[in-house]
Each structure stands twice: as structure tokens, then as C-alpha cells.
Protein backbone atom coordinates (compact mmCIF):
# COMPACT_ATOMS: atom_id res chain seq x y z
CA MET A 1 -6.89 -60.09 30.23
CA GLN A 2 -4.55 -60.74 27.33
CA SER A 3 -6.59 -58.53 25.00
CA GLY A 4 -6.40 -55.68 27.50
CA VAL A 5 -2.60 -55.94 27.63
CA LEU A 6 -2.42 -55.91 23.83
CA ALA A 7 -4.71 -52.90 23.69
CA ARG A 8 -2.45 -51.00 26.05
CA ALA A 9 0.59 -51.98 24.03
CA VAL A 10 -0.69 -50.43 20.81
CA PRO A 11 0.88 -46.96 20.48
CA THR A 12 -1.60 -44.09 20.27
CA ARG A 13 -1.36 -41.37 17.64
CA SER A 14 -0.90 -37.86 18.93
CA ARG A 15 -3.23 -35.09 17.84
CA GLY A 16 -0.21 -33.23 16.45
CA VAL A 17 0.55 -36.10 14.07
CA ASP A 18 -3.04 -36.16 12.86
CA VAL A 19 -3.06 -32.42 12.20
CA GLU A 20 0.29 -32.58 10.43
CA GLU A 21 -0.87 -35.44 8.21
CA ARG A 22 -4.05 -33.60 7.32
CA LEU A 23 -2.09 -30.49 6.44
CA GLY A 24 0.25 -32.64 4.38
CA ARG A 25 -2.65 -34.15 2.43
CA LEU A 26 -4.17 -30.72 1.95
CA ALA A 27 -0.84 -29.37 0.76
CA THR A 28 -0.56 -32.00 -1.96
CA SER A 29 -4.18 -32.36 -3.09
CA THR A 30 -5.37 -30.80 -6.35
CA TRP A 31 -8.40 -29.12 -4.84
CA GLY A 32 -6.69 -28.10 -1.61
CA GLU A 33 -4.55 -25.35 -3.13
CA PRO A 34 -7.29 -23.07 -4.58
CA LEU A 35 -9.42 -23.80 -1.52
CA ALA A 36 -6.68 -22.77 0.90
CA VAL A 37 -5.73 -19.63 -1.05
CA GLY A 38 -9.36 -18.60 -1.50
CA ALA A 39 -10.18 -19.21 2.15
CA LEU A 40 -7.21 -17.14 3.32
CA LEU A 41 -8.05 -14.26 0.98
CA ALA A 42 -11.70 -14.32 2.09
CA ALA A 43 -10.73 -14.37 5.77
CA MET A 44 -8.30 -11.51 5.27
CA PHE A 45 -10.90 -9.52 3.35
CA ALA A 46 -13.25 -9.83 6.31
CA SER A 47 -10.59 -9.09 8.94
CA PHE A 48 -9.27 -6.03 7.10
CA LEU A 49 -12.78 -4.61 6.75
CA TYR A 50 -13.61 -5.05 10.43
CA GLY A 51 -14.46 -1.64 11.88
CA LEU A 52 -13.29 0.16 8.74
CA SER A 53 -16.56 2.01 8.18
CA ALA A 54 -15.88 3.92 11.41
CA VAL A 55 -12.52 5.17 10.05
CA LEU A 56 -13.86 8.25 8.28
CA ILE A 57 -10.54 10.02 7.80
CA SER A 58 -7.51 7.77 7.36
CA ASP A 59 -5.23 10.56 6.12
CA MET A 60 -5.10 13.22 3.42
CA ASP A 61 -3.83 10.92 0.68
CA GLU A 62 -6.78 8.53 0.47
CA GLY A 63 -9.23 11.34 -0.14
CA THR A 64 -6.90 12.90 -2.69
CA TYR A 65 -6.84 9.84 -4.94
CA LEU A 66 -10.53 9.00 -4.68
CA TYR A 67 -11.63 12.61 -5.12
CA ALA A 68 -9.24 12.98 -8.07
CA GLY A 69 -10.90 9.89 -9.56
CA LYS A 70 -14.25 11.60 -9.12
CA LEU A 71 -12.96 14.69 -10.95
CA VAL A 72 -11.66 12.57 -13.83
CA ALA A 73 -15.01 10.77 -14.03
CA GLN A 74 -16.60 14.21 -14.38
CA GLY A 75 -14.38 14.97 -17.37
CA LEU A 76 -11.54 16.92 -15.76
CA VAL A 77 -7.90 16.24 -16.65
CA PRO A 78 -5.08 16.03 -14.08
CA TYR A 79 -2.19 18.48 -14.51
CA ARG A 80 -4.52 20.70 -16.53
CA ASP A 81 -7.62 21.12 -14.38
CA PHE A 82 -6.36 20.01 -10.98
CA LEU A 83 -3.09 19.22 -9.22
CA LEU A 84 -1.92 15.64 -8.87
CA GLY A 85 1.46 14.98 -7.30
CA HIS A 86 2.11 11.57 -8.87
CA PRO A 87 1.58 9.82 -12.21
CA PRO A 88 -2.11 9.23 -12.88
CA LEU A 89 -2.73 5.50 -13.36
CA ALA A 90 -4.15 4.89 -9.87
CA VAL A 91 -6.43 7.91 -10.25
CA TYR A 92 -7.71 6.65 -13.60
CA LEU A 93 -8.42 3.28 -11.99
CA ALA A 94 -10.33 5.14 -9.27
CA ALA A 95 -12.16 7.10 -11.96
CA ALA A 96 -13.23 3.86 -13.64
CA TRP A 97 -14.68 2.69 -10.33
CA VAL A 98 -16.44 6.02 -9.72
CA TRP A 99 -17.92 5.87 -13.23
CA LEU A 100 -19.21 2.34 -12.58
CA ALA A 101 -20.30 2.52 -8.95
CA GLY A 102 -20.09 6.10 -7.70
CA ALA A 103 -17.77 7.88 -5.28
CA ASP A 104 -19.03 6.40 -1.99
CA VAL A 105 -16.02 5.73 0.21
CA MET A 106 -16.71 2.26 1.61
CA PRO A 107 -17.57 0.53 -1.72
CA ALA A 108 -14.41 2.06 -3.20
CA ARG A 109 -12.35 0.78 -0.26
CA MET A 110 -13.82 -2.70 -0.66
CA ALA A 111 -13.00 -2.74 -4.39
CA ASN A 112 -9.47 -1.53 -3.64
CA LEU A 113 -8.98 -4.22 -0.97
CA ALA A 114 -10.21 -6.93 -3.36
CA PHE A 115 -7.72 -5.70 -6.00
CA VAL A 116 -4.81 -5.65 -3.54
CA LEU A 117 -5.64 -9.12 -2.21
CA ALA A 118 -5.90 -10.52 -5.74
CA SER A 119 -2.47 -9.07 -6.50
CA THR A 120 -0.95 -11.37 -3.85
CA VAL A 121 -1.72 -14.52 -5.85
CA PRO A 122 1.43 -14.09 -8.01
CA LEU A 123 3.42 -13.62 -4.79
CA TYR A 124 1.99 -16.91 -3.55
CA LEU A 125 3.06 -18.64 -6.78
CA VAL A 126 6.59 -17.22 -6.51
CA VAL A 127 7.12 -18.38 -2.92
CA ARG A 128 5.52 -21.76 -3.59
CA LYS A 129 8.09 -22.33 -6.34
CA LEU A 130 11.07 -21.00 -4.39
CA LEU A 131 10.39 -23.09 -1.29
CA SER A 132 8.36 -25.96 -2.81
CA SER A 133 5.67 -25.40 -0.21
CA ARG A 134 2.10 -24.19 -0.49
CA VAL A 135 1.89 -23.19 3.15
CA ALA A 136 4.96 -21.00 2.62
CA GLY A 137 3.09 -19.23 -0.16
CA LEU A 138 0.18 -18.61 2.18
CA LEU A 139 2.54 -17.15 4.76
CA ALA A 140 3.92 -14.79 2.11
CA ILE A 141 0.41 -13.46 1.46
CA ALA A 142 -0.27 -13.00 5.17
CA THR A 143 3.09 -11.32 5.82
CA TYR A 144 2.80 -8.91 2.92
CA MET A 145 -0.77 -7.82 3.66
CA SER A 146 -0.26 -7.59 7.40
CA GLY A 147 2.89 -5.52 6.89
CA ASN A 148 1.02 -3.05 4.71
CA LEU A 149 -1.64 -2.68 7.37
CA MET A 150 0.61 -2.40 10.40
CA LEU A 151 2.96 0.12 8.80
CA ALA A 152 0.47 2.57 7.32
CA ASN A 153 -3.11 1.26 7.40
CA MET A 154 -2.62 0.29 3.75
CA GLY A 155 -4.41 -2.37 1.78
CA ARG A 156 -7.80 -1.52 3.21
CA THR A 157 -7.58 2.19 2.36
CA ILE A 158 -6.94 3.68 -1.07
CA LYS A 159 -3.21 4.40 -1.32
CA LEU A 160 -0.68 4.35 -4.15
CA GLU A 161 1.89 1.91 -2.76
CA PRO A 162 -0.21 -1.30 -2.74
CA ILE A 163 -1.51 -0.49 -6.23
CA MET A 164 2.03 0.08 -7.46
CA ASN A 165 3.14 -3.14 -5.78
CA ALA A 166 0.37 -5.08 -7.53
CA PHE A 167 2.13 -4.45 -10.84
CA LEU A 168 5.61 -5.00 -9.37
CA ILE A 169 4.57 -8.35 -7.88
CA GLY A 170 3.21 -9.45 -11.26
CA ALA A 171 6.44 -8.41 -12.97
CA PHE A 172 8.60 -10.23 -10.42
CA ALA A 173 6.46 -13.35 -10.76
CA ILE A 174 7.18 -13.36 -14.50
CA TYR A 175 10.88 -12.92 -13.78
CA VAL A 176 10.87 -15.94 -11.47
CA LEU A 177 8.39 -18.24 -13.20
CA ARG A 178 8.81 -17.37 -16.91
CA ARG A 179 12.33 -16.00 -17.09
CA SER A 180 13.22 -17.74 -20.36
CA SER A 181 10.08 -16.64 -22.23
CA LEU A 182 10.53 -13.57 -24.38
CA ALA A 183 6.77 -13.19 -24.86
CA TRP A 184 6.25 -13.05 -21.11
CA GLY A 185 9.15 -10.61 -20.98
CA VAL A 186 7.09 -8.08 -22.93
CA LEU A 187 4.36 -8.34 -20.31
CA LEU A 188 6.97 -7.97 -17.56
CA GLY A 189 8.04 -4.67 -19.08
CA ALA A 190 4.45 -3.50 -19.45
CA LEU A 191 3.77 -4.25 -15.77
CA VAL A 192 6.89 -2.31 -14.75
CA ALA A 193 5.64 0.61 -16.83
CA ALA A 194 2.26 0.42 -15.10
CA ALA A 195 3.99 0.51 -11.70
CA LEU A 196 5.94 3.61 -12.75
CA LEU A 197 2.71 5.25 -13.90
CA VAL A 198 1.41 4.80 -10.36
CA LYS A 199 4.53 6.05 -8.58
CA LEU A 200 7.96 6.78 -10.02
CA VAL A 201 9.75 5.31 -7.00
CA ALA A 202 8.93 1.86 -8.42
CA ILE A 203 12.20 2.20 -10.35
CA ILE A 204 14.14 1.30 -7.17
CA PRO A 205 13.19 -2.40 -6.80
CA VAL A 206 13.14 -2.81 -10.58
CA GLY A 207 16.66 -1.46 -10.87
CA LEU A 208 17.89 -3.71 -8.07
CA ILE A 209 16.33 -6.79 -9.69
CA VAL A 210 18.10 -5.98 -12.96
CA LEU A 211 21.36 -5.41 -11.09
CA ALA A 212 21.06 -8.70 -9.23
CA ASP A 213 20.26 -10.56 -12.46
CA LEU A 214 23.36 -9.06 -14.05
CA VAL A 215 25.58 -10.09 -11.14
CA TRP A 216 24.21 -13.58 -10.41
CA GLY A 217 21.97 -14.51 -13.33
CA ASP A 218 22.68 -16.02 -16.73
CA ARG A 219 24.70 -13.35 -18.53
CA ARG A 220 24.32 -15.12 -21.87
CA THR A 221 20.63 -14.24 -21.98
CA PHE A 222 20.73 -11.09 -19.88
CA VAL A 223 20.75 -8.58 -22.73
CA ALA A 224 17.99 -10.28 -24.71
CA ARG A 225 15.81 -10.78 -21.63
CA TRP A 226 15.91 -7.19 -20.47
CA ALA A 227 15.84 -5.71 -23.97
CA VAL A 228 12.49 -7.42 -24.50
CA ALA A 229 11.28 -6.17 -21.12
CA ALA A 230 12.41 -2.65 -22.02
CA ALA A 231 10.48 -2.89 -25.27
CA GLY A 232 7.37 -3.91 -23.37
CA ALA A 233 7.81 -0.96 -21.04
CA LEU A 234 8.28 1.49 -23.90
CA ILE A 235 5.10 0.29 -25.59
CA VAL A 236 3.27 1.66 -22.54
CA LEU A 237 5.48 4.55 -21.49
CA VAL A 238 5.98 6.30 -24.82
CA PRO A 239 2.32 7.10 -25.59
CA ALA A 240 1.59 7.69 -21.91
CA GLY A 241 4.58 10.00 -21.60
CA LEU A 242 3.66 12.00 -24.69
CA TYR A 243 0.16 12.52 -23.35
CA LEU A 244 1.36 13.52 -19.88
CA LEU A 245 3.97 15.93 -21.23
CA SER A 246 1.25 17.61 -23.27
CA GLN A 247 -0.49 18.64 -20.05
CA PRO A 248 0.61 22.12 -18.95
CA HIS A 249 1.52 21.36 -15.34
CA PHE A 250 2.69 17.74 -15.41
CA LEU A 251 6.38 18.47 -14.86
CA ASP A 252 5.64 21.07 -12.18
CA ASP A 253 3.21 18.84 -10.29
CA VAL A 254 5.00 15.49 -10.49
CA ILE A 255 8.70 16.31 -10.83
CA TRP A 256 9.57 19.79 -9.63
CA SER A 257 7.10 19.88 -6.73
CA GLN A 258 8.55 16.64 -5.37
CA LEU A 259 12.11 17.85 -5.76
CA GLY A 260 11.19 21.13 -4.09
CA ARG A 261 10.13 19.51 -0.84
CA GLY A 262 12.23 20.04 2.23
CA GLY A 263 14.38 17.23 3.57
CA LEU A 264 14.46 15.36 6.87
CA PRO A 265 17.56 14.90 9.02
CA LEU A 266 19.03 11.41 9.06
CA GLU A 267 18.30 11.09 12.78
CA LEU A 268 14.57 11.56 12.17
CA ARG A 269 14.61 9.08 9.29
CA ALA A 270 16.28 6.53 11.56
CA ARG A 271 13.57 7.16 14.15
CA TYR A 272 10.87 6.45 11.57
CA LEU A 273 12.68 3.25 10.58
CA ALA A 274 12.79 2.20 14.24
CA GLN A 275 9.03 2.75 14.37
CA ASP A 276 8.69 0.40 11.39
CA PHE A 277 10.67 -2.25 13.27
CA VAL A 278 8.41 -1.93 16.31
CA ARG A 279 5.19 -1.91 14.33
CA PHE A 280 6.10 -4.97 12.28
CA PRO A 281 8.95 -7.10 13.72
CA PRO A 282 9.24 -9.33 10.62
CA ILE A 283 10.97 -6.37 8.93
CA PRO A 284 14.18 -6.36 11.01
CA LEU A 285 14.22 -10.16 10.98
CA ALA A 286 13.98 -10.12 7.18
CA LEU A 287 16.73 -7.52 6.86
CA LEU A 288 19.12 -9.51 9.04
CA THR A 289 18.27 -12.63 7.09
CA SER A 290 18.95 -10.76 3.84
CA VAL A 291 22.54 -10.16 4.94
CA TRP A 292 22.96 -13.87 5.63
CA LEU A 293 21.37 -14.88 2.32
CA LEU A 294 23.58 -12.52 0.35
CA VAL A 295 26.74 -13.82 2.04
CA SER A 296 25.86 -17.51 1.73
CA ARG A 297 27.04 -19.19 -1.47
CA ARG A 298 24.21 -21.72 -1.34
CA THR A 299 21.43 -19.15 -1.71
CA ALA A 300 19.30 -19.68 -4.81
CA LEU A 301 19.24 -16.90 -7.41
CA ASP A 302 15.68 -15.67 -6.90
CA ILE A 303 16.01 -15.68 -3.11
CA ARG A 304 19.27 -13.77 -3.44
CA VAL A 305 17.54 -11.25 -5.71
CA SER A 306 14.79 -10.81 -3.11
CA ALA A 307 17.35 -10.27 -0.35
CA LEU A 308 19.14 -7.62 -2.39
CA ALA A 309 15.88 -5.82 -3.22
CA ALA A 310 14.89 -5.75 0.45
CA LEU A 311 18.25 -4.71 1.89
CA LEU A 312 19.63 -2.27 -0.69
CA GLY A 313 16.14 -1.01 -1.42
CA LEU A 314 15.79 0.10 2.18
CA ALA A 315 19.26 1.68 2.16
CA THR A 316 18.32 3.63 -0.97
CA LEU A 317 15.06 4.88 0.53
CA LEU A 318 16.67 5.78 3.83
CA ILE A 319 19.80 7.54 2.54
CA GLY A 320 19.23 8.32 -1.13
CA PHE A 321 16.07 10.42 -0.69
CA LYS A 322 15.57 13.76 1.01
CA THR A 323 12.76 12.34 3.14
CA PHE A 324 11.85 9.01 4.69
CA PHE A 325 8.56 8.24 6.41
CA THR A 326 7.31 5.04 8.00
CA TYR A 327 5.17 4.06 5.02
CA TYR A 328 8.05 4.22 2.50
CA ILE A 329 9.10 0.66 3.27
CA VAL A 330 5.76 -0.63 1.92
CA LEU A 331 7.43 -0.37 -1.49
CA LEU A 332 9.74 -3.22 -0.44
CA MET A 333 7.21 -5.38 1.40
CA PRO A 334 6.91 -8.07 -1.35
CA TRP A 335 10.60 -8.89 -1.00
CA VAL A 336 10.64 -8.41 2.77
CA ALA A 337 7.81 -10.95 2.92
CA ILE A 338 9.70 -13.44 0.75
CA VAL A 339 12.84 -13.24 2.89
CA PHE A 340 10.85 -13.49 6.12
CA VAL A 341 9.11 -16.62 4.84
CA VAL A 342 12.49 -18.15 3.92
CA LEU A 343 13.64 -17.57 7.51
CA THR A 344 10.41 -18.88 9.04
CA MET A 345 10.42 -22.05 6.96
CA ARG A 346 14.01 -22.90 7.75
CA VAL A 347 13.55 -22.32 11.47
CA ALA A 348 10.24 -24.21 11.62
CA GLN A 349 11.62 -27.20 9.71
CA ARG A 350 14.66 -27.33 11.93
CA ILE A 351 12.95 -27.10 15.32
CA SER A 352 9.88 -29.29 14.84
CA ARG A 353 8.58 -32.24 12.88
CA TYR A 354 5.23 -30.43 12.95
CA TRP A 355 6.56 -27.52 10.92
CA ARG A 356 3.48 -27.33 8.69
CA SER A 357 1.31 -26.79 11.74
CA LEU A 358 3.65 -24.07 13.01
CA VAL A 359 3.67 -22.24 9.70
CA ALA A 360 -0.12 -22.60 9.32
CA ALA A 361 -0.50 -21.04 12.79
CA ALA A 362 1.74 -18.16 11.69
CA VAL A 363 -0.47 -17.67 8.63
CA LEU A 364 -3.57 -17.33 10.79
CA LEU A 365 -1.79 -15.09 13.28
CA LEU A 366 -0.41 -12.66 10.69
CA GLY A 367 -3.25 -12.90 8.21
CA VAL A 368 -6.32 -12.79 10.44
CA VAL A 369 -5.66 -12.33 14.16
CA ALA A 370 -3.13 -9.47 13.90
CA PRO A 371 -5.29 -7.41 11.49
CA LEU A 372 -8.31 -7.80 13.76
CA GLY A 373 -6.26 -6.66 16.74
CA TYR A 374 -4.93 -3.72 14.74
CA ASP A 375 -8.45 -2.73 13.69
CA VAL A 376 -9.69 -2.74 17.29
CA MET A 377 -6.75 -0.73 18.62
CA TYR A 378 -6.88 1.71 15.71
CA ASN A 379 -10.56 2.45 16.25
CA ARG A 380 -10.21 2.80 20.02
CA GLY A 381 -7.21 5.10 19.92
CA GLY A 382 -7.76 6.98 16.67
CA ALA A 383 -9.77 10.05 17.67
CA LEU A 384 -8.19 11.91 14.77
CA HIS A 385 -9.49 9.28 12.35
CA VAL A 386 -12.69 8.04 14.01
CA ALA A 387 -14.32 9.97 16.84
CA SER A 388 -13.63 13.52 15.73
CA PRO A 389 -14.64 13.08 12.06
CA ALA A 390 -17.81 11.28 13.23
CA GLN A 391 -18.94 14.59 14.76
CA ILE A 392 -17.96 16.65 11.72
CA VAL A 393 -19.60 14.71 8.89
CA PRO A 394 -23.20 15.18 10.20
CA ILE A 395 -22.60 18.95 10.39
CA LEU A 396 -21.50 18.96 6.76
CA LYS A 397 -24.38 16.74 5.67
CA ALA A 398 -26.82 19.22 7.20
CA GLY A 399 -25.71 21.88 4.72
CA ASP A 400 -25.07 22.09 1.01
CA GLY A 401 -22.71 23.74 -1.43
CA PRO A 402 -18.91 23.58 -1.78
CA ILE A 403 -16.60 23.06 1.17
CA TYR A 404 -12.91 23.75 1.68
CA SER A 405 -10.74 21.15 3.38
CA MET A 406 -7.29 19.68 2.85
CA TYR A 407 -8.99 16.35 3.60
CA PRO A 408 -11.17 15.61 0.53
CA LEU A 409 -12.64 12.63 2.39
CA PHE A 410 -14.85 15.11 4.26
CA ALA A 411 -16.38 16.11 0.92
CA LEU A 412 -16.83 12.48 -0.13
CA TRP A 413 -18.42 11.35 3.14
CA SER A 414 -20.78 14.34 3.23
CA GLY A 415 -21.72 14.20 -0.46
CA ARG A 416 -20.65 17.80 -1.00
CA PRO A 417 -18.12 19.08 -3.56
CA GLU A 418 -14.76 20.55 -2.71
CA TYR A 419 -14.30 24.18 -3.70
CA ALA A 420 -13.52 24.08 -7.43
CA TRP A 421 -9.97 25.32 -7.75
CA TYR A 422 -6.76 23.79 -9.06
CA TYR A 423 -5.95 22.37 -5.61
CA ALA A 424 -9.35 20.72 -5.06
CA ALA A 425 -7.89 17.20 -4.80
CA ASP A 426 -4.58 18.09 -3.15
CA ALA A 427 -3.92 21.34 -1.31
CA LEU A 428 -1.16 19.85 0.84
CA ILE A 429 1.66 19.89 -1.72
CA PRO A 430 1.37 23.63 -2.48
CA ARG A 431 1.15 24.24 1.27
CA ILE A 432 4.35 22.26 1.89
CA ASN A 433 6.13 24.03 -0.97
CA ASN A 434 5.00 27.49 0.20
CA GLN A 435 2.95 28.09 -2.93
CA LEU A 436 -0.23 29.13 -1.13
CA SER A 437 -0.76 32.70 0.05
CA ALA A 438 -3.36 34.27 2.31
CA ASP A 439 -5.18 35.50 -0.81
CA ASP A 440 -5.40 31.90 -2.07
CA PHE A 441 -7.05 30.81 1.17
CA ILE A 442 -9.40 33.78 1.16
CA GLY A 443 -10.40 33.01 -2.42
CA ALA A 444 -11.15 29.40 -1.48
CA PHE A 445 -13.16 30.50 1.55
CA GLU A 446 -15.15 33.00 -0.52
CA GLY A 447 -16.32 30.19 -2.80
CA SER A 448 -17.17 27.78 0.04
CA ARG A 449 -20.21 27.30 2.23
CA ALA A 450 -18.27 25.42 4.92
CA VAL A 451 -14.63 25.15 5.92
CA VAL A 452 -12.90 22.27 7.73
CA LEU A 453 -9.43 23.10 9.06
CA TRP A 454 -6.86 21.02 10.85
CA ASP A 455 -5.55 22.51 14.06
CA GLY A 456 -3.14 25.35 13.32
CA GLU A 457 -3.71 25.36 9.56
CA LEU A 458 -3.99 29.17 9.38
CA ASN A 459 -1.33 30.07 11.93
CA ASP A 460 0.90 31.45 9.18
CA PHE A 461 -1.95 33.23 7.43
CA PRO A 462 -3.51 35.75 9.85
CA GLN A 463 -5.36 37.63 7.09
CA ALA A 464 -7.11 34.45 5.99
CA ASP A 465 -7.91 33.64 9.61
CA ALA A 466 -9.43 37.09 10.09
CA TYR A 467 -11.56 36.70 6.95
CA LEU A 468 -12.79 33.29 8.14
CA ARG A 469 -13.82 34.62 11.56
CA SER A 470 -15.61 37.58 10.02
CA ASN A 471 -17.66 35.60 7.52
CA PHE A 472 -18.13 32.15 9.09
CA THR A 473 -19.49 30.79 12.35
CA LEU A 474 -17.59 28.20 14.36
CA ALA A 475 -19.74 25.06 14.39
CA PHE A 476 -17.32 22.57 15.93
CA GLN A 477 -13.80 22.48 17.35
CA ASP A 478 -11.62 19.95 19.13
CA ALA A 479 -7.91 19.22 19.38
CA TYR A 480 -7.76 18.08 15.75
CA TYR A 481 -10.24 19.98 13.59
CA SER A 482 -12.49 23.01 13.46
CA VAL A 483 -15.62 23.38 11.30
CA TRP A 484 -16.85 26.75 10.13
CA THR A 485 -20.17 27.37 8.36
CA ARG A 486 -20.97 30.50 6.40
CA GLN A 487 -23.08 33.02 8.26
CA SER A 488 -26.62 33.46 6.97
């Protein structure tokens, strides 16, 4: 009887305490860190790939960069032999992959996803240092990758922004973790140069980081630190710039064609930003938190720098450019992720003694569950990307010879070449800038065995439409595309 009373008097441990203690031991063990990071990256790799093989046409851009890589692997030179609207580093990386493994779309997507996921390791190291928490670093990875996916299907498809961010994240990690090292400063500059050689807009977060360091950092070492970084950048940019300027159309394709684009009204830009907020709610939470972090005097330097990059970076993209689309904010996602993790950690630690469990649940939600849900919804509702192209590709595979399409992914999936003209990799930019005439379309059609058009593509070119109908047979048409094959 007495033993039974004593047994009932012994307090029982809750399951929450056990889980929290296990997470605590995992968070401090030597082997737990690489295991946790590796497991998260592997789980995200699998979740991002779920259903991706059914997404035949993500957009025009993905096909442009992979097909341009194929052209480079064949010996062609951008800005001389074909149009490329941005600096060429990402295309040369794609060309290296094509040279090693071929131009099949899914293997290239998997290699790209592995590269983007690996680029989040420096982000993990930055957040782990800033918040002294490994689970916070994991949440930064999950937030960044999930944001890329939700905003623009990025990370798992071949786009410029995540590749550019890979170099920017590495540079920022050096700024945070090795700020006093001049040798590492050279590498910081080289990484910034690499980001610029992917997309020139990388100058925005870099400029804001330098500005924040000038305002809040150690001014005694400011000049030396950034002079070394500038030297590292010039080591890369000078020879690259000389080579690019030697190409006959580099300035036209990369600079003047971008400046020649039409603008968007501020109201439409604000609508796109509102769509970003709906698609990925951590963004508005991070922006509001950035205001608080910038006002608070107790904010640490590197967190303050991140808040400035997120907040003023968005203002620059929204107001300082002629256009703003939903995917633009991907440029700022590393710093948005950092600020969101700062908010999440402070709230979780304040509201619960089981904060590690809460943050770990957020990691799984953002890193694995949300991407899987996105994949399912995208495939079910994306007729433009999934169902319609699935009917087109077999038609193209049944034939041979060059095709014309503003979506080079059709050529890659079908194993057929695009019509060999200067706009083979990217015919959208000259279309936007009114550089294409009816004669240009007719010339492309004359050299093609099949034509894939998006709905309404020839509305402004009746002569080209008449030529197409006279010389090709309609093989398929729906609300998104039409496929024409040359008459026998």
C-alpha cells in the first residue's frame, strides 16, 4: 500500500519535455549538426522533386538558359551567335553540365536543385552564429528554399535568381563570419563578381550591405575591408568584362535591350507585391520585423544589415525599376529569411519552454510539407505547364528537324533543335522590344519543320499567320498553345 502511494507521488515526465531534451542534446552534439543539415537537405531535395517530371514547361526562361547552355556546349558564343539577355555565367555553368551529362531536362533540374540546396549551407552558418542556435539555421534554409518555390517555382527549375543568390549568400557569409580577414575579403569580392556575372541586379543587396557597414560597422577598418573586396571583384570582372565587350552584341543584348523595355504602373507593381505576400506570408512578417530591428538600438550589426537589405532592397526593386514582377523579391530572400527566423525565434522562446520543438516543427512545415503541397496544387492546376505540354511533346517527338517556339523547353523535351537563328535561345526579348517583324517570323517558319505558338502570338503579324496556315497543318490547339507541322 505504501509503495503504491509513493509510486503515485513520483512526478511523471511529459512527452514534450522528453522531445525538448532530445532536441537539446541533438543541437549540442558534434555529430548531430551535419546529420540534421544533411537530413533536411535530403528531405527537401525529395520534396522539391515530387511531381516535377510532369512539369514540362515551367516558363520561357528555364528553357532559354538550358538551351543556351546547349548552344555553348556546341561551340557557339553568346552575344555573337545567339541572343542572351543577361551576363553569361549561369549559361556557362549550364554548358558545363550539358557537356558532362547532356541536355536532358530532368537531370539538369536535379543538378541545379542540388547546387541551390548546397548554397544554403553558408546561410545556415550565418544564422547559427547570429542566433546561437542550430535549429534557427535549419529554419533559415527551409524559409529561403520554400520562399523561392512559392514565389516563382524556383530552386527546382533552372532560373538565374537562385544561382545568383548562391554567390551572394557565400559573400554575405564571409562578411559575417570572416569580416576581419583580408584574405577572405578577396574571396568575398570574387563571389560578388560572380553574382553580377549571373545577373546585374545583384548590385542592389551588395550596395546596401556596404552602406549598412559604413553606417553601423567599424569605420576604422571600413576602407581596407571593402578595398580588398573590390580588388577581389576586379580580378574577376576585368578579364570577364573585356571578353564580353569584345562580343558584337553584348551591350545591345544585356544593357540596351533591358533599358528599352516598357514600364509597369505603380498600381500593378503593388498588386504583384500583394501576390507575394499572399503566396508566402513570411515576407510581410519579415518586412515589418525589419522596421522594428532598424529602429531598435539593441539590434546586432549583422541582423541590422539583413533588415536593411530586406527592407530597402524591396523599396528599390518596387520603385527604382521600370518593372516589378512577383519573382523579383527572390533576390532578397536570403535576408528576408534571416529576419523571419529572428522573429520566429524570439516569439517561440517567449511563448513556450518547448521552443526548440516549435521551431523544429516550423522547419518541417516550411521545408518539406509546404513544398509537397505546392507541388500537388501546381500539377493539378497547371494545365499551361503540365497537361497541355504533355499532349504537345509526343507530337514533336513523332517528327524530326528544327522547330520554332518561344519556349525552348519544347525543343529540349522532344530532342529536336530550335530553328538556328540569332534568337534561338530567346525570342521573347526582341518580341517585347518590337524588334521582330513579320518577315522575321516567316523566315523562322521557312526553316522549321514544326511550329509551337502560344495563344495569340501572331495576332500582330497577319502576314506571318497567313504564311503559317498556307504551309503548315494544325496538329493540336487548346487555350494555351497550337502546334503546326509542315505539310508533306
